[in-house]
Amino acid sequence: MKRLMIVLAFAACGSKPAPAPQSPPTETPVKDTRTPLEQHRDAACDIVGKRVSACAKQDSDTLLAAGKITQKAHDQATEPAVVAKDAEVYSEKCKAKKDYSSRQIRVLEMCPKYETECEPFLACLQNLQPKNN
């Protein structure tokens, strides 16, 4: 009986707890050294690049419907990889431009927000031209 009590006592206690899983070493987060203006520019460039690329795809659709380009040319121009690459190229060129004014960056931010159609959107981007004083 005494032996049964000991076995039950050990069973009630269970096995010893498993060691806590070791957490991976914490890495120091990379500090963003860009200025707030550069951060706004880069975020806006990504969005505008995607929109410009989507508008180019829409233009290709329109040209195909009007019979001004072949189906093959349309398919090549609107292939998802091509559209994505166009967006990436635009974005990188936009981000490389270091002399945007705060007004121009605001244009990059606002055009995609307020112009939902391609024609007015692209017209809005004309405001990226520097102001002549």
Protein backbone atom coordinates (compact mmCIF):
# COMPACT_ATOMS: atom_id res chain seq x y z
CA MET A 1 0.00 0.00 0.00
CA LYS A 2 2.82 2.33 0.92
CA ARG A 3 4.42 1.60 -2.41
CA LEU A 4 1.17 2.41 -4.24
CA MET A 5 1.01 5.77 -2.44
CA ILE A 6 4.54 6.60 -3.56
CA VAL A 7 3.76 5.67 -7.17
CA LEU A 8 0.59 7.76 -7.09
CA ALA A 9 2.48 10.68 -5.56
CA PHE A 10 5.05 10.57 -8.37
CA ALA A 11 2.33 10.22 -10.97
CA ALA A 12 0.46 13.20 -9.57
CA CYS A 13 3.58 15.29 -9.71
CA GLY A 14 4.24 14.34 -13.30
CA SER A 15 7.59 14.40 -14.93
CA LYS A 16 9.94 17.29 -14.45
CA PRO A 17 9.03 20.29 -16.57
CA ALA A 18 10.51 20.58 -20.02
CA PRO A 19 13.22 23.19 -20.31
CA ALA A 20 12.02 26.50 -21.66
CA PRO A 21 12.66 26.79 -25.37
CA GLN A 22 15.62 28.95 -26.07
CA SER A 23 14.63 32.09 -27.87
CA PRO A 24 16.67 33.07 -30.87
CA PRO A 25 19.20 35.77 -30.21
CA THR A 26 17.55 39.11 -30.52
CA GLU A 27 18.95 41.20 -33.31
CA THR A 28 19.21 44.90 -33.01
CA PRO A 29 16.68 46.43 -35.38
CA VAL A 30 18.21 48.30 -38.27
CA LYS A 31 17.78 52.01 -37.77
CA ASP A 32 16.25 53.81 -40.71
CA THR A 33 18.66 56.62 -41.48
CA ARG A 34 16.43 58.27 -44.07
CA THR A 35 14.90 61.62 -43.27
CA PRO A 36 11.11 61.76 -42.85
CA LEU A 37 10.92 63.47 -46.25
CA GLU A 38 12.85 60.61 -47.84
CA GLN A 39 10.63 58.06 -46.12
CA HIS A 40 7.52 59.80 -47.50
CA ARG A 41 9.10 59.98 -50.96
CA ASP A 42 10.00 56.28 -50.98
CA ALA A 43 6.56 55.15 -49.82
CA ALA A 44 4.86 57.39 -52.37
CA CYS A 45 7.18 56.23 -55.17
CA ASP A 46 6.17 52.61 -54.55
CA ILE A 47 2.47 53.46 -54.77
CA VAL A 48 2.84 55.71 -57.81
CA GLY A 49 4.98 53.11 -59.57
CA LYS A 50 2.25 50.51 -59.20
CA ARG A 51 -0.42 52.93 -60.41
CA VAL A 52 1.60 54.11 -63.43
CA SER A 53 2.21 50.49 -64.37
CA ALA A 54 -1.49 49.67 -64.01
CA CYS A 55 -2.33 52.65 -66.23
CA ALA A 56 0.14 51.42 -68.85
CA LYS A 57 -1.65 48.07 -68.79
CA GLN A 58 -4.97 49.86 -69.21
CA ASP A 59 -3.54 51.84 -72.15
CA SER A 60 -2.47 48.59 -73.75
CA ASP A 61 -6.01 47.24 -73.33
CA THR A 62 -7.38 50.36 -75.02
CA LEU A 63 -4.88 50.13 -77.89
CA LEU A 64 -5.74 46.47 -78.42
CA ALA A 65 -9.46 47.21 -78.48
CA ALA A 66 -8.86 49.99 -81.04
CA GLY A 67 -6.83 47.61 -83.19
CA LYS A 68 -3.68 49.70 -82.86
CA ILE A 69 -1.56 46.83 -81.45
CA THR A 70 -1.61 43.08 -81.96
CA GLN A 71 -2.78 40.56 -79.38
CA LYS A 72 0.80 39.29 -79.12
CA ALA A 73 2.15 42.79 -78.36
CA HIS A 74 -0.62 43.29 -75.81
CA ASP A 75 0.07 39.95 -74.13
CA GLN A 76 3.77 40.74 -73.89
CA ALA A 77 3.16 44.23 -72.50
CA THR A 78 0.61 43.10 -69.94
CA GLU A 79 2.32 39.96 -68.71
CA PRO A 80 2.25 40.12 -64.87
CA ALA A 81 6.04 39.91 -64.61
CA VAL A 82 6.42 42.80 -67.06
CA VAL A 83 3.85 44.94 -65.23
CA ALA A 84 5.57 44.24 -61.89
CA LYS A 85 9.00 45.04 -63.34
CA ASP A 86 7.69 48.31 -64.83
CA ALA A 87 6.38 49.31 -61.40
CA GLU A 88 9.69 48.41 -59.79
CA VAL A 89 11.73 50.37 -62.35
CA TYR A 90 9.52 53.46 -61.94
CA SER A 91 9.74 53.22 -58.17
CA GLU A 92 13.53 52.89 -58.17
CA LYS A 93 13.98 55.85 -60.53
CA CYS A 94 11.60 57.91 -58.43
CA LYS A 95 13.44 57.04 -55.21
CA ALA A 96 16.78 57.86 -56.82
CA LYS A 97 15.66 61.43 -57.40
CA LYS A 98 17.15 63.19 -54.39
CA ASP A 99 16.11 66.74 -55.10
CA TYR A 100 12.33 66.48 -54.80
CA SER A 101 10.87 69.37 -52.86
CA SER A 102 8.32 68.77 -50.14
CA ARG A 103 5.67 70.05 -52.57
CA GLN A 104 6.66 67.44 -55.15
CA ILE A 105 6.58 64.67 -52.58
CA ARG A 106 3.11 65.84 -51.59
CA VAL A 107 2.09 65.53 -55.26
CA LEU A 108 3.40 61.94 -55.24
CA GLU A 109 1.36 61.21 -52.13
CA MET A 110 -1.87 62.93 -53.16
CA CYS A 111 -2.29 62.03 -56.84
CA PRO A 112 -2.94 58.32 -56.19
CA LYS A 113 -5.26 59.14 -53.29
CA TYR A 114 -7.52 61.57 -55.10
CA GLU A 115 -7.34 60.59 -58.75
CA THR A 116 -8.89 57.18 -59.30
CA GLU A 117 -8.90 57.23 -63.11
CA CYS A 118 -5.69 56.96 -65.10
CA GLU A 119 -6.03 60.07 -67.24
CA PRO A 120 -6.57 62.50 -64.33
CA PHE A 121 -3.97 60.62 -62.28
CA LEU A 122 -1.32 60.98 -64.97
CA ALA A 123 -2.29 64.62 -65.47
CA CYS A 124 -1.91 65.16 -61.73
CA LEU A 125 1.63 63.81 -61.91
CA GLN A 126 2.48 66.67 -64.28
CA ASN A 127 2.60 68.76 -61.10
CA LEU A 128 5.90 67.04 -60.29
CA GLN A 129 7.57 69.54 -62.60
CA PRO A 130 9.54 72.08 -60.56
CA LYS A 131 7.83 75.41 -60.00
CA ASN A 132 9.49 78.33 -61.71
CA ASN A 133 9.80 81.22 -59.32
